[in-house]
N, C-alpha and C. Protein backbone atom coordinates (compact mmCIF):
# COMPACT_ATOMS: atom_id res chain seq x y z
N MET A 1 9.22 -109.55 -67.59
CA MET A 1 9.11 -108.03 -67.42
C MET A 1 8.08 -107.91 -66.39
N THR A 2 6.96 -108.48 -66.43
CA THR A 2 5.84 -108.45 -65.47
C THR A 2 6.38 -108.88 -64.21
N LEU A 3 7.20 -109.95 -64.13
CA LEU A 3 7.63 -110.36 -62.83
C LEU A 3 8.54 -109.30 -62.13
N LEU A 4 9.30 -108.65 -63.01
CA LEU A 4 10.17 -107.52 -62.41
C LEU A 4 9.21 -106.35 -61.86
N ARG A 5 8.18 -106.00 -62.62
CA ARG A 5 7.22 -104.98 -62.23
C ARG A 5 6.51 -105.33 -60.91
N ARG A 6 6.27 -106.58 -60.73
CA ARG A 6 5.51 -107.22 -59.70
C ARG A 6 6.37 -106.97 -58.29
N PHE A 7 7.62 -107.26 -58.45
CA PHE A 7 8.53 -107.19 -57.39
C PHE A 7 9.20 -105.84 -57.17
N ALA A 8 8.98 -104.97 -58.07
CA ALA A 8 9.78 -103.64 -57.89
C ALA A 8 9.47 -102.89 -56.72
N PRO A 9 8.27 -102.80 -56.08
CA PRO A 9 8.02 -102.13 -54.82
C PRO A 9 8.85 -102.84 -53.66
N PHE A 10 9.21 -103.95 -53.76
CA PHE A 10 9.99 -104.81 -52.65
C PHE A 10 11.55 -104.65 -52.96
N LEU A 11 11.81 -104.52 -54.20
CA LEU A 11 13.35 -104.41 -54.58
C LEU A 11 13.84 -102.94 -54.39
N LEU A 12 13.03 -102.09 -54.65
CA LEU A 12 13.48 -100.61 -54.45
C LEU A 12 14.00 -100.27 -52.98
N PRO A 13 13.09 -100.67 -52.09
CA PRO A 13 13.60 -100.43 -50.75
C PRO A 13 14.88 -101.27 -50.27
N LEU A 14 14.98 -102.53 -50.92
CA LEU A 14 16.25 -103.35 -50.57
C LEU A 14 17.48 -102.51 -51.15
N LEU A 15 17.34 -102.09 -52.39
CA LEU A 15 18.28 -101.44 -53.06
C LEU A 15 18.72 -100.04 -52.37
N GLY A 16 17.71 -99.39 -51.77
CA GLY A 16 17.92 -98.28 -50.94
C GLY A 16 18.81 -98.44 -49.67
N VAL A 17 18.59 -99.67 -49.01
CA VAL A 17 19.01 -100.06 -47.95
C VAL A 17 20.52 -100.42 -48.21
N PHE A 18 20.85 -101.12 -49.35
CA PHE A 18 22.32 -101.41 -49.67
C PHE A 18 22.86 -100.11 -50.01
N ALA A 19 22.26 -99.11 -50.63
CA ALA A 19 22.90 -97.96 -50.88
C ALA A 19 23.36 -97.09 -49.78
N LEU A 20 22.43 -97.11 -48.93
CA LEU A 20 22.77 -96.35 -47.49
C LEU A 20 23.75 -97.11 -46.79
N SER A 21 23.85 -98.40 -46.75
CA SER A 21 24.79 -99.11 -45.99
C SER A 21 26.17 -98.91 -46.66
N ALA A 22 26.19 -98.61 -47.93
CA ALA A 22 27.57 -98.42 -48.61
C ALA A 22 27.85 -96.87 -48.38
N CYS A 23 27.13 -96.12 -47.68
CA CYS A 23 27.50 -94.66 -47.55
C CYS A 23 28.01 -94.43 -46.11
N GLY A 24 28.43 -95.42 -45.39
CA GLY A 24 28.97 -95.10 -44.05
C GLY A 24 27.92 -94.98 -43.06
N ILE A 25 26.74 -95.27 -43.21
CA ILE A 25 25.78 -95.15 -42.13
C ILE A 25 26.24 -95.93 -40.92
N ASN A 26 26.69 -97.10 -41.05
CA ASN A 26 27.06 -97.92 -39.88
C ASN A 26 28.62 -98.02 -39.71
N SER A 27 29.43 -98.05 -40.88
CA SER A 27 30.79 -98.24 -40.79
C SER A 27 31.57 -97.04 -40.23
N VAL A 28 31.07 -95.81 -40.47
CA VAL A 28 31.72 -94.70 -39.98
C VAL A 28 31.73 -94.55 -38.33
N PRO A 29 30.56 -94.74 -37.77
CA PRO A 29 30.50 -94.78 -36.22
C PRO A 29 31.05 -95.98 -35.70
N THR A 30 31.14 -97.15 -36.30
CA THR A 30 31.84 -98.29 -35.83
C THR A 30 33.37 -97.97 -35.93
N ALA A 31 33.92 -97.36 -36.84
CA ALA A 31 35.27 -97.06 -36.91
C ALA A 31 35.72 -95.87 -35.88
N GLU A 32 34.83 -95.08 -35.66
CA GLU A 32 35.05 -93.89 -34.66
C GLU A 32 35.06 -94.44 -33.35
N GLU A 33 34.04 -95.47 -33.00
CA GLU A 33 34.06 -96.11 -31.61
C GLU A 33 35.26 -96.98 -31.41
N GLU A 34 35.81 -97.60 -32.51
CA GLU A 34 37.05 -98.38 -32.46
C GLU A 34 38.17 -97.61 -31.94
N ALA A 35 38.18 -96.47 -32.58
CA ALA A 35 39.40 -95.30 -32.35
C ALA A 35 39.24 -95.00 -30.93
N LYS A 36 38.06 -94.67 -30.49
CA LYS A 36 37.85 -94.09 -29.08
C LYS A 36 38.23 -95.28 -28.06
N ALA A 37 37.80 -96.47 -28.32
CA ALA A 37 38.20 -97.57 -27.56
C ALA A 37 39.74 -97.74 -27.47
N LYS A 38 40.47 -97.51 -28.51
CA LYS A 38 41.81 -97.57 -28.58
C LYS A 38 42.62 -96.57 -27.80
N TRP A 39 41.79 -95.40 -27.75
CA TRP A 39 42.40 -94.13 -27.00
C TRP A 39 42.19 -94.39 -25.50
N ALA A 40 41.21 -94.98 -25.17
CA ALA A 40 40.99 -95.59 -23.71
C ALA A 40 42.05 -96.37 -23.45
N ASP A 41 42.46 -97.36 -24.21
CA ASP A 41 43.64 -98.27 -23.80
C ASP A 41 44.83 -97.44 -23.55
N VAL A 42 45.01 -96.38 -24.40
CA VAL A 42 46.29 -95.56 -24.13
C VAL A 42 46.23 -94.84 -22.87
N GLN A 43 45.09 -94.31 -22.60
CA GLN A 43 45.03 -93.57 -21.32
C GLN A 43 45.03 -94.58 -20.05
N ALA A 44 44.52 -95.78 -20.14
CA ALA A 44 44.75 -96.73 -19.17
C ALA A 44 46.14 -97.13 -18.91
N GLN A 45 46.99 -97.28 -19.96
CA GLN A 45 48.45 -97.48 -19.71
C GLN A 45 49.12 -96.44 -19.19
N TYR A 46 48.80 -95.29 -19.63
CA TYR A 46 49.49 -94.05 -18.93
C TYR A 46 49.05 -93.98 -17.47
N GLN A 47 47.81 -94.19 -17.18
CA GLN A 47 47.39 -94.27 -15.70
C GLN A 47 48.33 -95.33 -15.02
N ARG A 48 48.37 -96.43 -15.61
CA ARG A 48 48.96 -97.59 -14.90
C ARG A 48 50.46 -97.03 -14.60
N ARG A 49 51.07 -96.33 -15.59
CA ARG A 49 52.44 -95.95 -15.41
C ARG A 49 52.58 -94.97 -14.23
N SER A 50 51.52 -94.00 -14.21
CA SER A 50 51.52 -92.96 -13.15
C SER A 50 51.42 -93.57 -11.77
N ASN A 51 50.48 -94.73 -11.73
CA ASN A 51 50.48 -95.40 -10.42
C ASN A 51 51.59 -96.04 -10.01
N LEU A 52 52.37 -96.58 -10.81
CA LEU A 52 53.72 -97.21 -10.62
C LEU A 52 54.77 -96.04 -10.28
N VAL A 53 54.66 -95.07 -10.80
CA VAL A 53 55.74 -93.92 -10.55
C VAL A 53 55.64 -93.59 -9.07
N GLY A 54 54.39 -93.51 -8.48
CA GLY A 54 54.34 -93.08 -7.27
C GLY A 54 54.99 -94.02 -6.24
N ASN A 55 54.91 -95.23 -6.42
CA ASN A 55 55.53 -96.26 -5.70
C ASN A 55 57.06 -96.04 -5.95
N LEU A 56 57.48 -96.01 -7.18
CA LEU A 56 58.95 -95.95 -7.48
C LEU A 56 59.58 -94.81 -6.63
N VAL A 57 58.91 -93.59 -6.75
CA VAL A 57 59.35 -92.39 -6.11
C VAL A 57 59.47 -92.73 -4.66
N ALA A 58 58.50 -93.41 -3.99
CA ALA A 58 58.57 -93.70 -2.43
C ALA A 58 59.68 -94.56 -2.15
N THR A 59 60.05 -95.53 -3.08
CA THR A 59 60.94 -96.57 -2.78
C THR A 59 62.46 -95.83 -2.85
N VAL A 60 62.61 -94.98 -3.97
CA VAL A 60 63.73 -94.27 -4.25
C VAL A 60 64.06 -93.23 -3.23
N LYS A 61 62.96 -92.59 -2.74
CA LYS A 61 63.12 -91.55 -1.60
C LYS A 61 63.61 -92.10 -0.32
N ALA A 62 63.10 -93.45 0.06
CA ALA A 62 63.57 -94.06 1.19
C ALA A 62 65.14 -94.40 1.10
N ALA A 63 65.56 -94.65 -0.04
CA ALA A 63 66.96 -94.94 -0.10
C ALA A 63 67.95 -93.84 -0.54
N GLY A 64 67.39 -92.87 -1.14
CA GLY A 64 68.38 -91.84 -1.37
C GLY A 64 67.90 -90.49 -1.27
N LYS A 65 68.21 -89.76 -0.11
CA LYS A 65 67.83 -88.49 0.25
C LYS A 65 68.52 -87.48 -0.68
N GLN A 66 69.67 -87.84 -1.32
CA GLN A 66 70.28 -86.77 -1.95
C GLN A 66 69.66 -86.33 -3.42
N GLU A 67 68.75 -87.32 -3.86
CA GLU A 67 68.07 -87.01 -5.16
C GLU A 67 66.72 -86.43 -5.01
N GLN A 68 66.49 -85.67 -3.96
CA GLN A 68 65.21 -84.87 -3.71
C GLN A 68 64.84 -84.03 -4.90
N ASP A 69 65.80 -83.34 -5.40
CA ASP A 69 65.44 -82.48 -6.57
C ASP A 69 64.73 -83.30 -7.84
N THR A 70 65.58 -84.43 -8.12
CA THR A 70 65.04 -85.39 -9.13
C THR A 70 63.65 -85.83 -8.80
N LEU A 71 63.36 -86.25 -7.60
CA LEU A 71 62.19 -86.85 -7.06
C LEU A 71 61.05 -85.77 -7.19
N VAL A 72 61.39 -84.42 -6.91
CA VAL A 72 60.37 -83.44 -6.95
C VAL A 72 59.98 -83.21 -8.38
N ARG A 73 60.90 -83.23 -9.28
CA ARG A 73 60.63 -83.04 -10.64
C ARG A 73 59.69 -84.16 -11.31
N VAL A 74 60.01 -85.52 -10.86
CA VAL A 74 59.10 -86.48 -11.31
C VAL A 74 57.76 -86.42 -10.67
N THR A 75 57.72 -86.03 -9.49
CA THR A 75 56.48 -85.98 -8.80
C THR A 75 55.61 -85.10 -9.47
N GLU A 76 56.22 -83.67 -9.69
CA GLU A 76 55.47 -82.75 -10.45
C GLU A 76 55.18 -83.07 -11.89
N ALA A 77 56.09 -83.67 -12.57
CA ALA A 77 55.56 -84.20 -13.93
C ALA A 77 54.54 -85.20 -13.86
N ARG A 78 54.49 -85.96 -12.91
CA ARG A 78 53.46 -87.00 -12.79
C ARG A 78 52.11 -86.29 -12.61
N ALA A 79 52.05 -85.35 -11.65
CA ALA A 79 50.85 -84.49 -11.20
C ALA A 79 50.46 -83.86 -12.59
N LYS A 80 51.19 -83.35 -13.37
CA LYS A 80 50.90 -82.54 -14.53
C LYS A 80 50.34 -83.63 -15.62
N ALA A 81 50.89 -84.75 -15.66
CA ALA A 81 50.53 -85.88 -16.55
C ALA A 81 49.17 -86.34 -16.41
N THR A 82 48.89 -86.40 -14.98
CA THR A 82 47.55 -86.94 -14.65
C THR A 82 46.56 -85.87 -14.82
N SER A 83 46.83 -84.75 -14.76
CA SER A 83 45.85 -83.54 -14.89
C SER A 83 45.54 -83.24 -16.31
N VAL A 84 46.26 -83.52 -17.16
CA VAL A 84 45.78 -83.29 -18.52
C VAL A 84 45.09 -84.40 -19.11
N GLN A 85 43.72 -84.17 -19.37
CA GLN A 85 42.94 -85.36 -19.78
C GLN A 85 42.52 -85.06 -21.18
N VAL A 86 42.27 -86.14 -21.95
CA VAL A 86 41.74 -85.87 -23.34
C VAL A 86 40.64 -86.99 -23.51
N ASN A 87 39.33 -86.52 -23.60
CA ASN A 87 38.46 -87.53 -23.55
C ASN A 87 38.15 -87.75 -25.17
N ALA A 88 37.21 -88.71 -25.40
CA ALA A 88 37.17 -89.26 -26.77
C ALA A 88 36.65 -88.09 -27.80
N GLU A 89 35.90 -87.14 -27.24
CA GLU A 89 35.31 -86.08 -28.16
C GLU A 89 36.48 -85.13 -28.43
N ASP A 90 37.67 -85.18 -27.82
CA ASP A 90 38.63 -84.19 -27.98
C ASP A 90 39.63 -84.77 -29.08
N LEU A 91 39.40 -85.96 -29.64
CA LEU A 91 40.35 -86.55 -30.47
C LEU A 91 40.62 -85.93 -31.77
N SER A 92 39.62 -85.06 -32.12
CA SER A 92 39.77 -84.41 -33.32
C SER A 92 40.37 -83.04 -33.20
N ASP A 93 40.84 -82.79 -32.03
CA ASP A 93 41.54 -81.50 -31.59
C ASP A 93 42.97 -81.74 -31.41
N PRO A 94 43.76 -81.27 -32.57
CA PRO A 94 45.08 -81.51 -32.31
C PRO A 94 45.95 -80.86 -31.26
N ALA A 95 45.46 -79.71 -30.78
CA ALA A 95 45.97 -78.94 -29.65
C ALA A 95 45.90 -79.79 -28.38
N LYS A 96 44.58 -80.29 -28.16
CA LYS A 96 44.39 -81.20 -27.02
C LYS A 96 45.27 -82.32 -26.76
N VAL A 97 45.25 -82.96 -27.93
CA VAL A 97 46.13 -84.18 -28.09
C VAL A 97 47.62 -83.96 -27.86
N ALA A 98 48.09 -82.79 -28.47
CA ALA A 98 49.47 -82.43 -28.21
C ALA A 98 49.85 -82.09 -26.92
N GLN A 99 48.91 -81.46 -26.14
CA GLN A 99 49.07 -81.01 -24.81
C GLN A 99 49.21 -82.32 -23.86
N PHE A 100 48.36 -83.32 -24.29
CA PHE A 100 48.42 -84.70 -23.59
C PHE A 100 49.77 -85.28 -23.74
N GLN A 101 50.29 -85.34 -25.17
CA GLN A 101 51.52 -85.92 -25.41
C GLN A 101 52.72 -85.25 -24.75
N ALA A 102 52.67 -83.80 -24.63
CA ALA A 102 53.73 -83.28 -24.17
C ALA A 102 53.73 -83.61 -22.69
N ALA A 103 52.66 -83.61 -21.93
CA ALA A 103 52.75 -84.01 -20.48
C ALA A 103 53.32 -85.20 -20.23
N GLN A 104 52.86 -86.21 -20.94
CA GLN A 104 53.39 -87.61 -20.96
C GLN A 104 55.01 -87.67 -21.27
N ALA A 105 55.39 -86.95 -22.32
CA ALA A 105 56.80 -86.89 -22.56
C ALA A 105 57.57 -86.25 -21.50
N GLN A 106 57.06 -85.29 -20.78
CA GLN A 106 57.68 -84.60 -19.69
C GLN A 106 58.10 -85.83 -18.65
N LEU A 107 56.85 -86.47 -18.25
CA LEU A 107 57.02 -87.62 -17.26
C LEU A 107 57.99 -88.72 -17.75
N SER A 108 57.97 -89.04 -18.86
CA SER A 108 59.01 -89.87 -19.43
C SER A 108 60.29 -89.49 -19.18
N GLN A 109 60.66 -88.22 -19.60
CA GLN A 109 62.09 -87.76 -19.31
C GLN A 109 62.44 -87.64 -17.79
N GLY A 110 61.51 -87.21 -16.88
CA GLY A 110 61.78 -87.23 -15.60
C GLY A 110 61.99 -88.65 -15.07
N LEU A 111 61.22 -89.55 -15.49
CA LEU A 111 61.41 -90.91 -14.94
C LEU A 111 62.71 -91.52 -15.39
N GLY A 112 63.14 -91.17 -16.67
CA GLY A 112 64.51 -91.62 -17.12
C GLY A 112 65.56 -91.06 -16.23
N ARG A 113 65.44 -89.74 -16.10
CA ARG A 113 66.52 -89.19 -15.05
C ARG A 113 66.57 -89.84 -13.82
N LEU A 114 65.31 -90.08 -13.20
CA LEU A 114 65.39 -90.64 -11.90
C LEU A 114 65.84 -92.09 -11.93
N LEU A 115 65.61 -92.88 -12.86
CA LEU A 115 66.12 -94.26 -12.85
C LEU A 115 67.69 -94.18 -13.18
N ALA A 116 68.15 -93.20 -14.01
CA ALA A 116 69.53 -93.12 -14.17
C ALA A 116 70.30 -92.85 -12.96
N SER A 117 69.60 -91.96 -12.10
CA SER A 117 70.35 -91.62 -10.87
C SER A 117 70.52 -92.77 -9.78
N VAL A 118 69.89 -93.76 -10.03
CA VAL A 118 69.85 -95.03 -9.08
C VAL A 118 71.17 -95.61 -9.11
N GLU A 119 71.92 -95.43 -10.15
CA GLU A 119 73.49 -95.96 -10.20
C GLU A 119 74.14 -95.70 -8.99
N ALA A 120 73.95 -94.51 -8.44
CA ALA A 120 74.72 -94.01 -7.25
C ALA A 120 74.24 -94.83 -5.92
N TYR A 121 73.20 -95.69 -6.04
CA TYR A 121 72.75 -96.17 -4.71
C TYR A 121 72.83 -97.81 -5.04
N PRO A 122 73.93 -98.53 -4.63
CA PRO A 122 74.04 -99.87 -4.77
C PRO A 122 73.01 -100.60 -4.03
N ASP A 123 72.62 -100.20 -2.95
CA ASP A 123 71.61 -100.80 -2.09
C ASP A 123 70.29 -100.97 -2.71
N LEU A 124 69.92 -99.70 -3.39
CA LEU A 124 68.73 -99.61 -4.11
C LEU A 124 68.53 -100.53 -5.26
N LYS A 125 69.82 -100.71 -5.97
CA LYS A 125 69.72 -101.62 -7.24
C LYS A 125 69.40 -102.99 -6.89
N THR A 126 69.46 -103.43 -5.65
CA THR A 126 69.32 -104.66 -5.13
C THR A 126 68.00 -104.87 -4.44
N ASN A 127 67.27 -103.69 -4.17
CA ASN A 127 66.01 -103.74 -3.44
C ASN A 127 65.06 -104.52 -4.17
N ALA A 128 64.35 -105.38 -3.61
CA ALA A 128 63.34 -106.25 -4.27
C ALA A 128 62.27 -105.41 -4.70
N ASN A 129 61.88 -104.53 -3.92
CA ASN A 129 60.74 -103.44 -4.50
C ASN A 129 61.00 -102.63 -5.53
N PHE A 130 62.48 -102.17 -5.52
CA PHE A 130 62.80 -101.31 -6.66
C PHE A 130 62.85 -102.19 -7.94
N LEU A 131 63.33 -103.30 -7.82
CA LEU A 131 63.51 -104.33 -8.94
C LEU A 131 62.21 -104.53 -9.56
N ASN A 132 61.28 -104.85 -8.65
CA ASN A 132 59.91 -105.25 -9.20
C ASN A 132 59.28 -104.08 -9.80
N LEU A 133 59.46 -102.84 -9.24
CA LEU A 133 58.75 -101.72 -9.93
C LEU A 133 59.44 -101.30 -11.26
N GLN A 134 60.78 -101.44 -11.31
CA GLN A 134 61.42 -101.21 -12.52
C GLN A 134 61.00 -102.33 -13.70
N SER A 135 60.78 -103.42 -13.26
CA SER A 135 60.37 -104.41 -14.25
C SER A 135 58.89 -104.14 -14.72
N GLN A 136 57.98 -103.61 -13.78
CA GLN A 136 56.77 -103.33 -14.03
C GLN A 136 56.68 -102.14 -14.94
N LEU A 137 57.56 -101.09 -14.74
CA LEU A 137 57.59 -99.95 -15.45
C LEU A 137 57.95 -100.19 -17.01
N GLU A 138 58.94 -101.09 -17.12
CA GLU A 138 59.54 -101.43 -18.39
C GLU A 138 58.33 -102.13 -19.16
N GLY A 139 57.54 -103.13 -18.42
CA GLY A 139 56.38 -103.72 -19.04
C GLY A 139 55.44 -102.84 -19.47
N THR A 140 55.16 -101.69 -18.52
CA THR A 140 54.15 -100.75 -18.99
C THR A 140 54.62 -99.72 -20.10
N GLU A 141 55.85 -99.55 -20.24
CA GLU A 141 56.19 -98.76 -21.30
C GLU A 141 56.07 -99.57 -22.74
N ASN A 142 56.35 -100.88 -22.58
CA ASN A 142 55.97 -101.72 -23.72
C ASN A 142 54.36 -101.70 -23.97
N ARG A 143 53.62 -101.82 -23.04
CA ARG A 143 52.17 -101.67 -23.18
C ARG A 143 51.77 -100.31 -23.73
N ILE A 144 52.26 -99.32 -23.28
CA ILE A 144 52.15 -98.00 -23.77
C ILE A 144 52.25 -97.96 -25.47
N ALA A 145 53.33 -98.51 -25.78
CA ALA A 145 53.94 -98.42 -27.09
C ALA A 145 52.89 -99.15 -28.06
N VAL A 146 52.41 -100.43 -27.56
CA VAL A 146 51.36 -101.25 -28.15
C VAL A 146 50.13 -100.38 -28.36
N ALA A 147 49.75 -99.90 -27.09
CA ALA A 147 48.36 -99.19 -27.20
C ALA A 147 48.53 -97.87 -28.04
N ILE A 148 49.47 -97.22 -28.07
CA ILE A 148 49.59 -96.14 -29.11
C ILE A 148 49.70 -96.64 -30.59
N ARG A 149 50.42 -97.70 -30.75
CA ARG A 149 50.30 -98.30 -32.13
C ARG A 149 48.96 -98.55 -32.53
N ASP A 150 48.24 -99.29 -31.65
CA ASP A 150 46.87 -99.76 -32.01
C ASP A 150 45.85 -98.57 -32.06
N TYR A 151 46.09 -97.51 -31.31
CA TYR A 151 45.15 -96.41 -31.50
C TYR A 151 45.59 -95.72 -32.80
N ASN A 152 46.76 -95.57 -33.19
CA ASN A 152 47.11 -94.86 -34.51
C ASN A 152 46.61 -95.55 -35.66
N GLU A 153 46.53 -96.92 -35.57
CA GLU A 153 46.11 -97.71 -36.52
C GLU A 153 44.64 -97.55 -36.73
N ALA A 154 43.80 -97.43 -35.65
CA ALA A 154 42.41 -97.29 -35.61
C ALA A 154 42.13 -95.92 -36.10
N VAL A 155 42.89 -94.81 -35.83
CA VAL A 155 42.70 -93.42 -36.32
C VAL A 155 42.87 -93.54 -37.89
N ARG A 156 44.00 -94.22 -38.16
CA ARG A 156 44.21 -94.05 -39.78
C ARG A 156 43.07 -94.91 -40.44
N ALA A 157 42.47 -96.00 -39.82
CA ALA A 157 41.26 -96.56 -40.55
C ALA A 157 40.20 -95.62 -40.56
N TYR A 158 39.91 -95.01 -39.46
CA TYR A 158 38.90 -94.03 -39.48
C TYR A 158 38.94 -92.74 -40.35
N ASN A 159 40.08 -92.29 -40.24
CA ASN A 159 40.37 -91.09 -41.23
C ASN A 159 40.22 -91.49 -42.66
N THR A 160 40.73 -92.61 -42.98
CA THR A 160 40.70 -93.12 -44.43
C THR A 160 39.10 -93.33 -44.79
N ARG A 161 38.57 -93.91 -43.75
CA ARG A 161 37.04 -94.39 -44.15
C ARG A 161 36.15 -92.99 -44.37
N ILE A 162 36.49 -91.96 -43.55
CA ILE A 162 35.69 -90.77 -43.73
C ILE A 162 36.19 -89.84 -44.97
N ARG A 163 37.18 -90.33 -45.52
CA ARG A 163 37.70 -89.52 -46.75
C ARG A 163 37.53 -90.31 -48.05
N THR A 164 37.11 -91.56 -47.94
CA THR A 164 37.00 -92.29 -49.17
C THR A 164 35.35 -92.61 -49.60
N PHE A 165 35.32 -92.63 -50.90
CA PHE A 165 33.73 -92.99 -51.41
C PHE A 165 33.68 -94.45 -51.10
N PRO A 166 32.47 -94.85 -50.90
CA PRO A 166 31.24 -94.08 -50.63
C PRO A 166 31.12 -93.59 -49.05
N ASP A 167 31.91 -94.17 -48.18
CA ASP A 167 31.75 -93.73 -46.82
C ASP A 167 31.77 -92.32 -46.55
N ALA A 168 32.52 -91.50 -47.38
CA ALA A 168 32.76 -90.09 -47.06
C ALA A 168 31.25 -89.28 -47.33
N ILE A 169 30.38 -89.86 -48.01
CA ILE A 169 28.91 -89.39 -48.19
C ILE A 169 28.31 -89.23 -46.72
N GLY A 170 28.28 -90.63 -46.15
CA GLY A 170 27.47 -90.66 -44.97
C GLY A 170 28.40 -89.94 -43.76
N ALA A 171 29.67 -89.98 -43.89
CA ALA A 171 30.56 -89.31 -42.94
C ALA A 171 30.21 -87.90 -42.76
N LYS A 172 30.21 -87.11 -43.85
CA LYS A 172 29.97 -85.62 -44.00
C LYS A 172 28.45 -85.23 -43.73
N ILE A 173 27.75 -85.79 -44.58
CA ILE A 173 26.30 -85.45 -44.54
C ILE A 173 25.56 -85.87 -43.32
N ILE A 174 25.74 -87.13 -42.85
CA ILE A 174 24.90 -87.61 -41.76
C ILE A 174 25.66 -87.39 -40.45
N HIS A 175 26.90 -87.85 -40.26
CA HIS A 175 27.60 -87.76 -39.07
C HIS A 175 28.41 -86.58 -38.83
N GLY A 176 28.76 -85.71 -39.94
CA GLY A 176 29.51 -84.49 -39.64
C GLY A 176 30.94 -84.99 -39.14
N ALA A 177 31.48 -86.04 -39.59
CA ALA A 177 32.72 -86.54 -39.06
C ALA A 177 33.86 -85.62 -39.43
N LYS A 178 34.88 -85.64 -38.40
CA LYS A 178 35.99 -84.92 -38.47
C LYS A 178 37.12 -85.76 -38.27
N PRO A 179 38.30 -85.66 -38.87
CA PRO A 179 39.55 -86.47 -38.76
C PRO A 179 40.04 -86.47 -37.32
N MET A 180 40.37 -87.62 -36.88
CA MET A 180 41.00 -87.84 -35.51
C MET A 180 42.45 -87.43 -35.54
N THR A 181 43.04 -87.18 -34.40
CA THR A 181 44.52 -86.76 -34.38
C THR A 181 45.25 -87.99 -33.97
N PRO A 182 46.17 -88.36 -34.73
CA PRO A 182 47.08 -89.64 -34.24
C PRO A 182 47.98 -89.26 -33.20
N PHE A 183 48.54 -90.13 -32.35
CA PHE A 183 49.54 -89.74 -31.33
C PHE A 183 50.80 -89.77 -32.11
N GLN A 184 51.48 -88.64 -31.73
CA GLN A 184 52.93 -88.54 -32.09
C GLN A 184 53.84 -88.23 -31.07
N ALA A 185 55.07 -88.39 -31.27
CA ALA A 185 56.02 -87.96 -30.29
C ALA A 185 56.33 -86.49 -30.25
N THR A 186 56.22 -85.93 -29.10
CA THR A 186 56.41 -84.45 -29.16
C THR A 186 57.94 -83.93 -28.91
N THR A 187 58.70 -84.88 -28.49
CA THR A 187 60.09 -84.64 -28.49
C THR A 187 60.82 -85.94 -29.05
N PRO A 188 61.92 -85.80 -29.57
CA PRO A 188 62.75 -86.77 -30.26
C PRO A 188 63.01 -88.03 -29.12
N GLY A 189 62.33 -89.24 -29.48
CA GLY A 189 62.55 -90.52 -28.66
C GLY A 189 61.55 -90.44 -27.52
N ALA A 190 60.64 -89.61 -27.59
CA ALA A 190 59.63 -89.55 -26.28
C ALA A 190 58.71 -90.80 -26.36
N GLU A 191 58.57 -91.34 -27.63
CA GLU A 191 57.70 -92.53 -27.65
C GLU A 191 58.22 -93.80 -27.20
N GLU A 192 59.69 -93.75 -26.95
CA GLU A 192 60.39 -94.93 -26.40
C GLU A 192 60.57 -94.99 -24.98
N ALA A 193 60.71 -96.02 -24.29
CA ALA A 193 61.03 -96.16 -23.07
C ALA A 193 62.32 -95.66 -22.78
N PRO A 194 62.44 -95.04 -21.62
CA PRO A 194 63.88 -94.58 -21.22
C PRO A 194 64.90 -95.70 -21.05
N LYS A 195 65.88 -95.57 -21.73
CA LYS A 195 66.96 -96.65 -21.76
C LYS A 195 67.96 -96.40 -20.64
N VAL A 196 68.07 -97.15 -19.60
CA VAL A 196 68.84 -96.95 -18.48
C VAL A 196 69.78 -98.20 -18.31
N ASP A 197 71.10 -98.00 -17.99
CA ASP A 197 72.11 -99.04 -17.78
C ASP A 197 72.34 -98.97 -16.27
N PHE A 198 71.89 -100.03 -15.62
CA PHE A 198 72.06 -100.12 -14.07
C PHE A 198 73.58 -100.77 -13.76
N GLY A 199 74.23 -101.06 -14.72
CA GLY A 199 75.66 -101.71 -14.43
C GLY A 199 75.42 -103.14 -13.93
N ASN A 200 76.48 -103.65 -13.43
CA ASN A 200 76.62 -105.10 -13.06
C ASN A 200 76.47 -105.06 -11.38
């Protein structure tokens, strides 16, 4: 008993440190930063797609003057998609995330229409630049899907952490944590890459 009294001044601070560490002092910001990093990955993949769309539009424009209306719509959708930005601090604002999602979905739909219109241009279907861009866009759509899945998983982990004991204590009292918004399709099938049949 005297040994316990002797070490009590040292044990109490240690117990306090363990208690605080179990209250989300470090785990909540770590989970938040993980979700923010995953959001940055989503944005990077959408930016990559936007860059490729510009090249695709130029390639199609050179081959098919008749599709000017579709090209204009895709170019406008691309401009809108790149103008809507959501930074890491906006991830707890469902309206801002929904606005970003809607702009990206509009670009996906326009891109699908553009690629579908290529069927009318046999020369374009064999154009090496077009085929390369098409392949890169397909790969980018896959990367976007993976980035969104990873972001949603990080948001789920963060939202669970700030709502469950004991991390909820530190999340509310110390960090003032708010739930983050997961990425959801704003139109049916918008989360999927456009399916296009280029024929034989």
